[in-house]
């Protein structure tokens, strides 16, 4: 399975940044550490069995809606800041 690395904003990703995770051994191949969500993806592949791909997105529209309905937003990710700005400054 290929997954994005931890600690690199999605808008700065390059192909060589991707990390390969072996679904059976869970060993990684790549120069970077995989996203902390790698184990969720591995679990999904194992449960689904015949899945060829699992796609997870961080849609800026959904992030914007989520931020707009939360009164005190303490934990904001970088992608959301790019789309909607910093809600603490509104």
PDB file of N, CA and C in Angstrom:
ATOM      1  N   UNK A   1       0.850  -1.160   0.000  1.00  0.00           N
ATOM      2  CA  UNK A   1       0.000   0.000   0.000  1.00  0.00           C
ATOM      3  C   UNK A   1       0.901   1.229   0.000  1.00  0.00           C
ATOM      4  N   UNK A   2       0.516   2.255  -0.743  1.00  0.00           N
ATOM      5  CA  UNK A   2       1.229   3.531  -0.734  1.00  0.00           C
ATOM      6  C   UNK A   2       0.445   4.519   0.115  1.00  0.00           C
ATOM      7  N   UNK A   3       1.157   5.303   0.916  1.00  0.00           N
ATOM      8  CA  UNK A   3       0.509   6.282   1.791  1.00  0.00           C
ATOM      9  C   UNK A   3       1.376   7.535   1.872  1.00  0.00           C
ATOM     10  N   UNK A   4       0.731   8.632   2.174  1.00  0.00           N
ATOM     11  CA  UNK A   4       1.474   9.888   2.315  1.00  0.00           C
ATOM     12  C   UNK A   4       2.288   9.860   3.610  1.00  0.00           C
ATOM     13  N   UNK A   5       3.352  10.638   3.656  1.00  0.00           N
ATOM     14  CA  UNK A   5       4.195  10.660   4.852  1.00  0.00           C
ATOM     15  C   UNK A   5       3.635  11.569   5.940  1.00  0.00           C
ATOM     16  N   UNK A   6       4.151  11.386   7.112  1.00  0.00           N
ATOM     17  CA  UNK A   6       3.800  12.230   8.245  1.00  0.00           C
ATOM     18  C   UNK A   6       4.604  13.533   8.177  1.00  0.00           C
ATOM     19  N   UNK A   7       3.966  14.621   8.547  1.00  0.00           N
ATOM     20  CA  UNK A   7       4.690  15.875   8.707  1.00  0.00           C
ATOM     21  C   UNK A   7       4.928  16.706   7.459  1.00  0.00           C
ATOM     22  N   UNK A   8       4.393  16.291   6.308  1.00  0.00           N
ATOM     23  CA  UNK A   8       4.557  17.096   5.091  1.00  0.00           C
ATOM     24  C   UNK A   8       3.169  17.540   4.637  1.00  0.00           C
ATOM     25  N   UNK A   9       2.931  18.842   4.525  1.00  0.00           N
ATOM     26  CA  UNK A   9       1.620  19.305   4.049  1.00  0.00           C
ATOM     27  C   UNK A   9       1.314  18.716   2.670  1.00  0.00           C
ATOM     28  N   UNK A  10       0.077  18.367   2.453  1.00  0.00           N
ATOM     29  CA  UNK A  10      -0.333  17.710   1.201  1.00  0.00           C
ATOM     30  C   UNK A  10       0.031  18.520  -0.032  1.00  0.00           C
ATOM     31  N   UNK A  11      -0.004  19.839   0.083  1.00  0.00           N
ATOM     32  CA  UNK A  11       0.285  20.687  -1.079  1.00  0.00           C
ATOM     33  C   UNK A  11       1.781  20.741  -1.398  1.00  0.00           C
ATOM     34  N   UNK A  12       2.634  20.182  -0.555  1.00  0.00           N
ATOM     35  CA  UNK A  12       4.080  20.135  -0.818  1.00  0.00           C
ATOM     36  C   UNK A  12       4.566  18.733  -1.184  1.00  0.00           C
ATOM     37  N   UNK A  13       3.662  17.780  -1.312  1.00  0.00           N
ATOM     38  CA  UNK A  13       4.049  16.395  -1.573  1.00  0.00           C
ATOM     39  C   UNK A  13       4.641  16.206  -2.961  1.00  0.00           C
ATOM     40  N   UNK A  14       5.623  15.328  -3.022  1.00  0.00           N
ATOM     41  CA  UNK A  14       6.199  14.896  -4.298  1.00  0.00           C
ATOM     42  C   UNK A  14       6.066  13.380  -4.353  1.00  0.00           C
ATOM     43  N   UNK A  15       6.136  12.837  -5.537  1.00  0.00           N
ATOM     44  CA  UNK A  15       5.973  11.391  -5.707  1.00  0.00           C
ATOM     45  C   UNK A  15       6.957  10.602  -4.842  1.00  0.00           C
ATOM     46  N   UNK A  16       8.187  11.069  -4.782  1.00  0.00           N
ATOM     47  CA  UNK A  16       9.204  10.344  -4.009  1.00  0.00           C
ATOM     48  C   UNK A  16       8.997  10.424  -2.493  1.00  0.00           C
ATOM     49  N   UNK A  17       8.047  11.231  -2.034  1.00  0.00           N
ATOM     50  CA  UNK A  17       7.734  11.326  -0.610  1.00  0.00           C
ATOM     51  C   UNK A  17       6.825  10.189  -0.127  1.00  0.00           C
ATOM     52  N   UNK A  18       6.134   9.531  -1.051  1.00  0.00           N
ATOM     53  CA  UNK A  18       5.209   8.470  -0.659  1.00  0.00           C
ATOM     54  C   UNK A  18       5.946   7.322   0.024  1.00  0.00           C
ATOM     55  N   UNK A  19       5.253   6.672   0.939  1.00  0.00           N
ATOM     56  CA  UNK A  19       5.833   5.569   1.719  1.00  0.00           C
ATOM     57  C   UNK A  19       5.046   4.297   1.386  1.00  0.00           C
ATOM     58  N   UNK A  20       5.761   3.217   1.160  1.00  0.00           N
ATOM     59  CA  UNK A  20       5.114   1.937   0.883  1.00  0.00           C
ATOM     60  C   UNK A  20       5.049   1.138   2.179  1.00  0.00           C
ATOM     61  N   UNK A  21       3.862   0.598   2.480  1.00  0.00           N
ATOM     62  CA  UNK A  21       3.659  -0.223   3.672  1.00  0.00           C
ATOM     63  C   UNK A  21       3.230  -1.611   3.202  1.00  0.00           C
ATOM     64  N   UNK A  22       3.938  -2.634   3.647  1.00  0.00           N
ATOM     65  CA  UNK A  22       3.590  -4.008   3.320  1.00  0.00           C
ATOM     66  C   UNK A  22       2.364  -4.389   4.141  1.00  0.00           C
ATOM     67  N   UNK A  23       1.291  -4.803   3.470  1.00  0.00           N
ATOM     68  CA  UNK A  23       0.041  -5.115   4.159  1.00  0.00           C
ATOM     69  C   UNK A  23       0.144  -6.328   5.075  1.00  0.00           C
ATOM     70  N   UNK A  24       1.044  -7.227   4.784  1.00  0.00           N
ATOM     71  CA  UNK A  24       1.167  -8.431   5.608  1.00  0.00           C
ATOM     72  C   UNK A  24       2.119  -8.237   6.784  1.00  0.00           C
ATOM     73  N   UNK A  25       3.285  -7.652   6.513  1.00  0.00           N
ATOM     74  CA  UNK A  25       4.290  -7.496   7.576  1.00  0.00           C
ATOM     75  C   UNK A  25       4.214  -6.144   8.265  1.00  0.00           C
ATOM     76  N   UNK A  26       3.557  -5.186   7.624  1.00  0.00           N
ATOM     77  CA  UNK A  26       3.437  -3.801   8.101  1.00  0.00           C
ATOM     78  C   UNK A  26       4.776  -3.076   8.155  1.00  0.00           C
ATOM     79  N   UNK A  27       5.766  -3.594   7.454  1.00  0.00           N
ATOM     80  CA  UNK A  27       7.057  -2.910   7.349  1.00  0.00           C
ATOM     81  C   UNK A  27       6.940  -1.811   6.304  1.00  0.00           C
ATOM     82  N   UNK A  28       7.717  -0.745   6.496  1.00  0.00           N
ATOM     83  CA  UNK A  28       7.649   0.382   5.574  1.00  0.00           C
ATOM     84  C   UNK A  28       8.896   0.463   4.707  1.00  0.00           C
ATOM     85  N   UNK A  29       8.706   1.050   3.534  1.00  0.00           N
ATOM     86  CA  UNK A  29       9.796   1.277   2.604  1.00  0.00           C
ATOM     87  C   UNK A  29       9.692   2.709   2.121  1.00  0.00           C
ATOM     88  N   UNK A  30      10.733   3.465   2.339  1.00  0.00           N
ATOM     89  CA  UNK A  30      10.744   4.868   1.957  1.00  0.00           C
ATOM     90  C   UNK A  30      11.618   5.635   2.909  1.00  0.00           C
ATOM     91  N   UNK A  31      11.946   6.856   2.527  1.00  0.00           N
ATOM     92  CA  UNK A  31      12.849   7.643   3.359  1.00  0.00           C
ATOM     93  C   UNK A  31      12.123   8.393   4.476  1.00  0.00           C
ATOM     94  N   UNK A  32      10.789   8.443   4.401  1.00  0.00           N
ATOM     95  CA  UNK A  32      10.006   9.190   5.384  1.00  0.00           C
ATOM     96  C   UNK A  32       9.123   8.253   6.210  1.00  0.00           C
ATOM     97  N   UNK A  33       8.648   8.763   7.316  1.00  0.00           N
ATOM     98  CA  UNK A  33       7.753   8.024   8.197  1.00  0.00           C
ATOM     99  C   UNK A  33       6.326   8.122   7.633  1.00  0.00           C
ATOM    100  N   UNK A  34       5.565   7.001   7.598  1.00  0.00           N
ATOM    101  CA  UNK A  34       4.203   7.071   7.052  1.00  0.00           C
ATOM    102  C   UNK A  34       3.266   7.868   7.958  1.00  0.00           C
ATOM    103  N   UNK A  35       2.194   8.349   7.368  1.00  0.00           N
ATOM    104  CA  UNK A  35       1.148   9.035   8.118  1.00  0.00           C
ATOM    105  C   UNK A  35       0.721   8.185   9.296  1.00  0.00           C
ATOM    106  N   UNK A  36       0.321   8.819  10.378  1.00  0.00           N
ATOM    107  CA  UNK A  36      -0.128   8.067  11.552  1.00  0.00           C
ATOM    108  C   UNK A  36      -1.397   7.268  11.256  1.00  0.00           C
ATOM    109  N   UNK A  37      -2.045   7.560  10.134  1.00  0.00           N
ATOM    110  CA  UNK A  37      -3.269   6.843   9.763  1.00  0.00           C
ATOM    111  C   UNK A  37      -2.994   5.549   9.010  1.00  0.00           C
ATOM    112  N   UNK A  38      -1.729   5.173   8.842  1.00  0.00           N
ATOM    113  CA  UNK A  38      -1.403   3.984   8.060  1.00  0.00           C
ATOM    114  C   UNK A  38      -2.077   2.744   8.601  1.00  0.00           C
ATOM    115  N   UNK A  39      -2.142   2.631   9.917  1.00  0.00           N
ATOM    116  CA  UNK A  39      -2.718   1.423  10.510  1.00  0.00           C
ATOM    117  C   UNK A  39      -4.208   1.303  10.219  1.00  0.00           C
ATOM    118  N   UNK A  40      -4.898   2.419  10.092  1.00  0.00           N
ATOM    119  CA  UNK A  40      -6.326   2.393   9.745  1.00  0.00           C
ATOM    120  C   UNK A  40      -6.493   1.826   8.331  1.00  0.00           C
ATOM    121  N   UNK A  41      -5.644   2.290   7.422  1.00  0.00           N
ATOM    122  CA  UNK A  41      -5.715   1.814   6.044  1.00  0.00           C
ATOM    123  C   UNK A  41      -5.392   0.323   5.954  1.00  0.00           C
ATOM    124  N   UNK A  42      -4.362  -0.112   6.661  1.00  0.00           N
ATOM    125  CA  UNK A  42      -4.005  -1.534   6.663  1.00  0.00           C
ATOM    126  C   UNK A  42      -5.180  -2.358   7.200  1.00  0.00           C
ATOM    127  N   UNK A  43      -5.793  -1.907   8.271  1.00  0.00           N
ATOM    128  CA  UNK A  43      -6.946  -2.615   8.849  1.00  0.00           C
ATOM    129  C   UNK A  43      -8.091  -2.709   7.856  1.00  0.00           C
ATOM    130  N   UNK A  44      -8.315  -1.624   7.108  1.00  0.00           N
ATOM    131  CA  UNK A  44      -9.397  -1.629   6.125  1.00  0.00           C
ATOM    132  C   UNK A  44      -9.114  -2.634   5.004  1.00  0.00           C
ATOM    133  N   UNK A  45      -7.892  -2.648   4.505  1.00  0.00           N
ATOM    134  CA  UNK A  45      -7.536  -3.623   3.476  1.00  0.00           C
ATOM    135  C   UNK A  45      -7.733  -5.047   3.977  1.00  0.00           C
ATOM    136  N   UNK A  46      -7.315  -5.298   5.200  1.00  0.00           N
ATOM    137  CA  UNK A  46      -7.438  -6.644   5.763  1.00  0.00           C
ATOM    138  C   UNK A  46      -8.907  -7.041   5.938  1.00  0.00           C
ATOM    139  N   UNK A  47      -9.751  -6.099   6.377  1.00  0.00           N
ATOM    140  CA  UNK A  47     -11.168  -6.392   6.568  1.00  0.00           C
ATOM    141  C   UNK A  47     -11.889  -6.572   5.241  1.00  0.00           C
ATOM    142  N   UNK A  48     -11.570  -5.735   4.267  1.00  0.00           N
ATOM    143  CA  UNK A  48     -12.263  -5.774   2.981  1.00  0.00           C
ATOM    144  C   UNK A  48     -11.777  -6.905   2.094  1.00  0.00           C
ATOM    145  N   UNK A  49     -10.559  -7.333   2.285  1.00  0.00           N
ATOM    146  CA  UNK A  49     -10.031  -8.464   1.541  1.00  0.00           C
ATOM    147  C   UNK A  49      -9.767  -8.215   0.067  1.00  0.00           C
ATOM    148  N   UNK A  50     -10.779  -7.942  -0.701  1.00  0.00           N
ATOM    149  CA  UNK A  50     -10.622  -7.818  -2.147  1.00  0.00           C
ATOM    150  C   UNK A  50     -10.501  -6.368  -2.623  1.00  0.00           C
ATOM    151  N   UNK A  51     -10.339  -5.423  -1.755  1.00  0.00           N
ATOM    152  CA  UNK A  51     -10.241  -4.016  -2.149  1.00  0.00           C
ATOM    153  C   UNK A  51      -8.955  -3.776  -2.930  1.00  0.00           C
ATOM    154  N   UNK A  52      -9.066  -3.041  -4.021  1.00  0.00           N
ATOM    155  CA  UNK A  52      -7.896  -2.680  -4.823  1.00  0.00           C
ATOM    156  C   UNK A  52      -7.327  -1.328  -4.408  1.00  0.00           C
ATOM    157  N   UNK A  53      -8.149  -0.504  -3.784  1.00  0.00           N
ATOM    158  CA  UNK A  53      -7.690   0.822  -3.364  1.00  0.00           C
ATOM    159  C   UNK A  53      -8.625   1.373  -2.297  1.00  0.00           C
ATOM    160  N   UNK A  54      -8.048   2.189  -1.437  1.00  0.00           N
ATOM    161  CA  UNK A  54      -8.809   2.955  -0.448  1.00  0.00           C
ATOM    162  C   UNK A  54      -8.329   4.389  -0.576  1.00  0.00           C
ATOM    163  N   UNK A  55      -9.261   5.309  -0.737  1.00  0.00           N
ATOM    164  CA  UNK A  55      -8.902   6.709  -0.911  1.00  0.00           C
ATOM    165  C   UNK A  55      -9.487   7.512   0.235  1.00  0.00           C
ATOM    166  N   UNK A  56      -8.628   8.268   0.889  1.00  0.00           N
ATOM    167  CA  UNK A  56      -9.064   9.158   1.956  1.00  0.00           C
ATOM    168  C   UNK A  56      -8.756  10.576   1.494  1.00  0.00           C
ATOM    169  N   UNK A  57      -9.715  11.463   1.662  1.00  0.00           N
ATOM    170  CA  UNK A  57      -9.471  12.843   1.238  1.00  0.00           C
ATOM    171  C   UNK A  57      -9.616  13.789   2.418  1.00  0.00           C
ATOM    172  N   UNK A  58      -9.037  14.942   2.244  1.00  0.00           N
ATOM    173  CA  UNK A  58      -9.191  16.048   3.190  1.00  0.00           C
ATOM    174  C   UNK A  58      -9.760  17.204   2.377  1.00  0.00           C
ATOM    175  N   UNK A  59     -11.020  17.052   2.013  1.00  0.00           N
ATOM    176  CA  UNK A  59     -11.664  18.040   1.168  1.00  0.00           C
ATOM    177  C   UNK A  59     -11.668  19.412   1.850  1.00  0.00           C
ATOM    178  N   UNK A  60     -11.167  20.436   1.169  1.00  0.00           N
ATOM    179  CA  UNK A  60     -11.169  21.771   1.769  1.00  0.00           C
ATOM    180  C   UNK A  60     -12.582  22.280   2.041  1.00  0.00           C
ATOM    181  N   UNK A  61     -13.548  21.837   1.264  1.00  0.00           N
ATOM    182  CA  UNK A  61     -14.932  22.277   1.472  1.00  0.00           C
ATOM    183  C   UNK A  61     -15.502  21.706   2.762  1.00  0.00           C
ATOM    184  N   UNK A  62     -15.248  20.418   3.008  1.00  0.00           N
ATOM    185  CA  UNK A  62     -15.720  19.800   4.249  1.00  0.00           C
ATOM    186  C   UNK A  62     -15.009  20.415   5.452  1.00  0.00           C
ATOM    187  N   UNK A  63     -13.703  20.655   5.317  1.00  0.00           N
ATOM    188  CA  UNK A  63     -12.960  21.290   6.414  1.00  0.00           C
ATOM    189  C   UNK A  63     -13.516  22.678   6.709  1.00  0.00           C
ATOM    190  N   UNK A  64     -13.825  23.421   5.656  1.00  0.00           N
ATOM    191  CA  UNK A  64     -14.383  24.761   5.834  1.00  0.00           C
ATOM    192  C   UNK A  64     -15.710  24.733   6.563  1.00  0.00           C
ATOM    193  N   UNK A  65     -16.569  23.800   6.185  1.00  0.00           N
ATOM    194  CA  UNK A  65     -17.869  23.666   6.848  1.00  0.00           C
ATOM    195  C   UNK A  65     -17.678  23.278   8.304  1.00  0.00           C
ATOM    196  N   UNK A  66     -16.791  22.311   8.558  1.00  0.00           N
ATOM    197  CA  UNK A  66     -16.551  21.873   9.937  1.00  0.00           C
ATOM    198  C   UNK A  66     -16.041  23.024  10.792  1.00  0.00           C
ATOM    199  N   UNK A  67     -15.124  23.801  10.260  1.00  0.00           N
ATOM    200  CA  UNK A  67     -14.563  24.921  11.014  1.00  0.00           C
ATOM    201  C   UNK A  67     -15.620  25.983  11.279  1.00  0.00           C
ATOM    202  N   UNK A  68     -16.490  26.224  10.293  1.00  0.00           N
ATOM    203  CA  UNK A  68     -17.481  27.295  10.437  1.00  0.00           C
ATOM    204  C   UNK A  68     -18.541  26.978  11.483  1.00  0.00           C
ATOM    205  N   UNK A  69     -18.758  25.717  11.826  1.00  0.00           N
ATOM    206  CA  UNK A  69     -19.787  25.370  12.798  1.00  0.00           C
ATOM    207  C   UNK A  69     -19.235  25.140  14.205  1.00  0.00           C
ATOM    208  N   UNK A  70     -17.937  25.238  14.371  1.00  0.00           N
ATOM    209  CA  UNK A  70     -17.329  25.028  15.684  1.00  0.00           C
ATOM    210  C   UNK A  70     -17.010  26.392  16.300  1.00  0.00           C
ATOM    211  N   UNK A  71     -17.533  26.643  17.495  1.00  0.00           N
ATOM    212  CA  UNK A  71     -17.315  27.935  18.145  1.00  0.00           C
ATOM    213  C   UNK A  71     -15.857  28.177  18.516  1.00  0.00           C
ATOM    214  N   UNK A  72     -15.250  27.238  19.163  1.00  0.00           N
ATOM    215  CA  UNK A  72     -13.856  27.389  19.598  1.00  0.00           C
ATOM    216  C   UNK A  72     -13.029  26.295  18.949  1.00  0.00           C
ATOM    217  N   UNK A  73     -12.379  26.626  17.864  1.00  0.00           N
ATOM    218  CA  UNK A  73     -11.603  25.657  17.100  1.00  0.00           C
ATOM    219  C   UNK A  73     -10.158  25.752  17.541  1.00  0.00           C
ATOM    220  N   UNK A  74      -9.691  24.775  18.323  1.00  0.00           N
ATOM    221  CA  UNK A  74      -8.357  24.838  18.890  1.00  0.00           C
ATOM    222  C   UNK A  74      -7.309  24.123  18.054  1.00  0.00           C
ATOM    223  N   UNK A  75      -7.720  23.128  17.290  1.00  0.00           N
ATOM    224  CA  UNK A  75      -6.760  22.320  16.542  1.00  0.00           C
ATOM    225  C   UNK A  75      -7.071  22.452  15.058  1.00  0.00           C
ATOM    226  N   UNK A  76      -6.286  23.212  14.323  1.00  0.00           N
ATOM    227  CA  UNK A  76      -6.563  23.411  12.903  1.00  0.00           C
ATOM    228  C   UNK A  76      -5.421  22.857  12.070  1.00  0.00           C
ATOM    229  N   UNK A  77      -5.744  22.196  10.993  1.00  0.00           N
ATOM    230  CA  UNK A  77      -4.686  21.670  10.148  1.00  0.00           C
ATOM    231  C   UNK A  77      -4.363  22.658   9.042  1.00  0.00           C
ATOM    232  N   UNK A  78      -3.183  22.545   8.508  1.00  0.00           N
ATOM    233  CA  UNK A  78      -2.674  23.518   7.552  1.00  0.00           C
ATOM    234  C   UNK A  78      -3.529  23.655   6.304  1.00  0.00           C
ATOM    235  N   UNK A  79      -4.062  22.545   5.782  1.00  0.00           N
ATOM    236  CA  UNK A  79      -4.901  22.634   4.586  1.00  0.00           C
ATOM    237  C   UNK A  79      -6.107  23.539   4.822  1.00  0.00           C
ATOM    238  N   UNK A  80      -6.686  23.456   6.010  1.00  0.00           N
ATOM    239  CA  UNK A  80      -7.854  24.271   6.320  1.00  0.00           C
ATOM    240  C   UNK A  80      -7.487  25.748   6.369  1.00  0.00           C
ATOM    241  N   UNK A  81      -6.327  26.079   6.914  1.00  0.00           N
ATOM    242  CA  UNK A  81      -5.891  27.472   6.974  1.00  0.00           C
ATOM    243  C   UNK A  81      -5.778  28.072   5.575  1.00  0.00           C
ATOM    244  N   UNK A  82      -5.300  27.287   4.633  1.00  0.00           N
ATOM    245  CA  UNK A  82      -5.144  27.777   3.270  1.00  0.00           C
ATOM    246  C   UNK A  82      -6.495  28.124   2.663  1.00  0.00           C
ATOM    247  N   UNK A  83      -7.509  27.303   2.937  1.00  0.00           N
ATOM    248  CA  UNK A  83      -8.814  27.495   2.329  1.00  0.00           C
ATOM    249  C   UNK A  83      -9.644  28.556   3.040  1.00  0.00           C
ATOM    250  N   UNK A  84      -9.720  28.481   4.363  1.00  0.00           N
ATOM    251  CA  UNK A  84     -10.647  29.348   5.093  1.00  0.00           C
ATOM    252  C   UNK A  84      -9.957  30.374   5.996  1.00  0.00           C
ATOM    253  N   UNK A  85      -8.652  30.382   6.041  1.00  0.00           N
ATOM    254  CA  UNK A  85      -7.958  31.299   6.921  1.00  0.00           C
ATOM    255  C   UNK A  85      -7.942  30.772   8.345  1.00  0.00           C
ATOM    256  N   UNK A  86      -7.533  31.599   9.261  1.00  0.00           N
ATOM    257  CA  UNK A  86      -7.470  31.192  10.665  1.00  0.00           C
ATOM    258  C   UNK A  86      -8.749  31.625  11.365  1.00  0.00           C
ATOM    259  N   UNK A  87      -9.606  30.680  11.772  1.00  0.00           N
ATOM    260  CA  UNK A  87     -10.884  31.051  12.373  1.00  0.00           C
ATOM    261  C   UNK A  87     -10.726  31.811  13.686  1.00  0.00           C
ATOM    262  N   UNK A  88      -9.569  31.742  14.309  1.00  0.00           N
ATOM    263  CA  UNK A  88      -9.342  32.496  15.533  1.00  0.00           C
ATOM    264  C   UNK A  88      -9.240  33.990  15.298  1.00  0.00           C
ATOM    265  N   UNK A  89      -9.074  34.402  14.044  1.00  0.00           N
ATOM    266  CA  UNK A  89      -8.952  35.820  13.703  1.00  0.00           C
ATOM    267  C   UNK A  89     -10.243  36.421  13.187  1.00  0.00           C
ATOM    268  N   UNK A  90     -11.363  35.718  13.335  1.00  0.00           N
ATOM    269  CA  UNK A  90     -12.621  36.238  12.799  1.00  0.00           C
ATOM    270  C   UNK A  90     -13.392  36.993  13.841  1.00  0.00           C
TER     271      UNK A  90
END
